[in-house]
């Protein structure tokens, strides 16, 4: 079994055209998601999502890469030392 790490995946949505695909990717990795918080920032016309994961590093990197390739969506991950 691969070692899991806790991390936060930060997602900024500037264009809503790929949100359905984003939610599909998050559903694919649902087994690793500990929690998710979404904040619509209407004044700036963006949405921010923070996803806490407890997952193997390759799975997190794969998810972050898939999301980062979506048009109008940015994603970055911060890993804990645990």
C-alpha atoms as a PDB file:
ATOM      1  CA  UNK A   1       0.000   0.000   0.000  1.00  0.00           C
ATOM      2  CA  UNK A   2       1.305   3.398  -1.000  1.00  0.00           C
ATOM      3  CA  UNK A   3       1.937   5.984   1.718  1.00  0.00           C
ATOM      4  CA  UNK A   4      -0.704   8.708   1.907  1.00  0.00           C
ATOM      5  CA  UNK A   5      -0.122  12.380   2.672  1.00  0.00           C
ATOM      6  CA  UNK A   6      -2.478  15.111   3.772  1.00  0.00           C
ATOM      7  CA  UNK A   7      -2.700  18.084   1.439  1.00  0.00           C
ATOM      8  CA  UNK A   8      -4.862  21.014   0.394  1.00  0.00           C
ATOM      9  CA  UNK A   9      -5.744  21.406  -3.271  1.00  0.00           C
ATOM     10  CA  UNK A  10      -6.605  25.034  -4.028  1.00  0.00           C
ATOM     11  CA  UNK A  11      -8.697  25.675  -7.116  1.00  0.00           C
ATOM     12  CA  UNK A  12      -9.622  29.041  -8.647  1.00  0.00           C
ATOM     13  CA  UNK A  13     -12.358  29.063 -11.265  1.00  0.00           C
ATOM     14  CA  UNK A  14     -12.306  32.104 -13.544  1.00  0.00           C
ATOM     15  CA  UNK A  15     -14.489  30.628 -16.311  1.00  0.00           C
ATOM     16  CA  UNK A  16     -17.383  28.300 -15.551  1.00  0.00           C
ATOM     17  CA  UNK A  17     -17.257  26.405 -18.856  1.00  0.00           C
ATOM     18  CA  UNK A  18     -15.341  23.426 -17.419  1.00  0.00           C
ATOM     19  CA  UNK A  19     -16.994  23.145 -13.997  1.00  0.00           C
ATOM     20  CA  UNK A  20     -18.814  19.938 -14.939  1.00  0.00           C
ATOM     21  CA  UNK A  21     -15.518  18.346 -15.961  1.00  0.00           C
ATOM     22  CA  UNK A  22     -13.903  19.611 -12.734  1.00  0.00           C
ATOM     23  CA  UNK A  23     -16.624  17.984 -10.648  1.00  0.00           C
ATOM     24  CA  UNK A  24     -16.122  14.781 -12.631  1.00  0.00           C
ATOM     25  CA  UNK A  25     -12.423  14.736 -11.765  1.00  0.00           C
ATOM     26  CA  UNK A  26     -13.179  15.358  -8.090  1.00  0.00           C
ATOM     27  CA  UNK A  27     -15.688  12.489  -8.155  1.00  0.00           C
ATOM     28  CA  UNK A  28     -13.009  10.172  -9.600  1.00  0.00           C
ATOM     29  CA  UNK A  29     -10.838  10.868  -6.544  1.00  0.00           C
ATOM     30  CA  UNK A  30     -13.683  10.995  -3.993  1.00  0.00           C
ATOM     31  CA  UNK A  31     -12.197   8.156  -1.934  1.00  0.00           C
ATOM     32  CA  UNK A  32      -9.301  10.462  -0.971  1.00  0.00           C
ATOM     33  CA  UNK A  33     -11.302  13.626  -0.245  1.00  0.00           C
ATOM     34  CA  UNK A  34     -11.588  14.478   3.464  1.00  0.00           C
ATOM     35  CA  UNK A  35     -13.489  17.724   2.939  1.00  0.00           C
ATOM     36  CA  UNK A  36     -14.286  20.436   0.435  1.00  0.00           C
ATOM     37  CA  UNK A  37     -15.180  24.106   0.786  1.00  0.00           C
ATOM     38  CA  UNK A  38     -16.356  26.292  -2.080  1.00  0.00           C
ATOM     39  CA  UNK A  39     -16.601  30.061  -1.986  1.00  0.00           C
ATOM     40  CA  UNK A  40     -18.263  32.013  -4.798  1.00  0.00           C
ATOM     41  CA  UNK A  41     -16.657  35.467  -4.941  1.00  0.00           C
ATOM     42  CA  UNK A  42     -19.325  37.222  -6.973  1.00  0.00           C
ATOM     43  CA  UNK A  43     -17.733  40.693  -6.875  1.00  0.00           C
ATOM     44  CA  UNK A  44     -14.689  39.330  -8.739  1.00  0.00           C
ATOM     45  CA  UNK A  45     -16.636  36.766 -10.832  1.00  0.00           C
ATOM     46  CA  UNK A  46     -14.504  33.865  -9.584  1.00  0.00           C
ATOM     47  CA  UNK A  47     -15.024  30.860  -7.347  1.00  0.00           C
ATOM     48  CA  UNK A  48     -12.476  29.388  -4.957  1.00  0.00           C
ATOM     49  CA  UNK A  49     -12.502  25.758  -3.837  1.00  0.00           C
ATOM     50  CA  UNK A  50     -10.301  24.221  -1.148  1.00  0.00           C
ATOM     51  CA  UNK A  51     -10.166  20.417  -1.124  1.00  0.00           C
ATOM     52  CA  UNK A  52      -8.464  18.517   1.706  1.00  0.00           C
ATOM     53  CA  UNK A  53      -7.089  15.156   0.576  1.00  0.00           C
ATOM     54  CA  UNK A  54      -5.451  12.202   2.308  1.00  0.00           C
ATOM     55  CA  UNK A  55      -3.975  10.433  -0.687  1.00  0.00           C
ATOM     56  CA  UNK A  56      -0.845   8.994  -2.300  1.00  0.00           C
ATOM     57  CA  UNK A  57       1.314  11.732  -3.850  1.00  0.00           C
ATOM     58  CA  UNK A  58       0.977  10.345  -7.414  1.00  0.00           C
ATOM     59  CA  UNK A  59      -2.831  10.449  -7.143  1.00  0.00           C
ATOM     60  CA  UNK A  60      -2.775  14.042  -5.900  1.00  0.00           C
ATOM     61  CA  UNK A  61      -0.368  15.063  -8.653  1.00  0.00           C
ATOM     62  CA  UNK A  62      -2.534  13.371 -11.287  1.00  0.00           C
ATOM     63  CA  UNK A  63      -5.682  15.122 -10.034  1.00  0.00           C
ATOM     64  CA  UNK A  64      -3.936  18.508  -9.813  1.00  0.00           C
ATOM     65  CA  UNK A  65      -2.596  18.099 -13.343  1.00  0.00           C
ATOM     66  CA  UNK A  66      -5.982  17.167 -14.782  1.00  0.00           C
ATOM     67  CA  UNK A  67      -7.655  20.136 -13.116  1.00  0.00           C
ATOM     68  CA  UNK A  68      -4.841  22.520 -14.064  1.00  0.00           C
ATOM     69  CA  UNK A  69      -5.300  21.617 -17.730  1.00  0.00           C
ATOM     70  CA  UNK A  70      -8.915  22.780 -17.732  1.00  0.00           C
ATOM     71  CA  UNK A  71      -9.505  26.111 -19.452  1.00  0.00           C
ATOM     72  CA  UNK A  72     -10.142  28.978 -17.032  1.00  0.00           C
ATOM     73  CA  UNK A  73      -9.263  26.932 -13.938  1.00  0.00           C
ATOM     74  CA  UNK A  74      -6.048  27.072 -11.878  1.00  0.00           C
ATOM     75  CA  UNK A  75      -4.955  24.476  -9.311  1.00  0.00           C
ATOM     76  CA  UNK A  76      -2.090  24.247  -6.813  1.00  0.00           C
ATOM     77  CA  UNK A  77      -1.385  21.779  -4.029  1.00  0.00           C
ATOM     78  CA  UNK A  78       0.231  22.249  -0.622  1.00  0.00           C
ATOM     79  CA  UNK A  79       1.414  19.043   1.098  1.00  0.00           C
ATOM     80  CA  UNK A  80       1.789  18.521   4.829  1.00  0.00           C
ATOM     81  CA  UNK A  81       4.860  16.823   6.254  1.00  0.00           C
ATOM     82  CA  UNK A  82       2.693  13.932   7.480  1.00  0.00           C
END
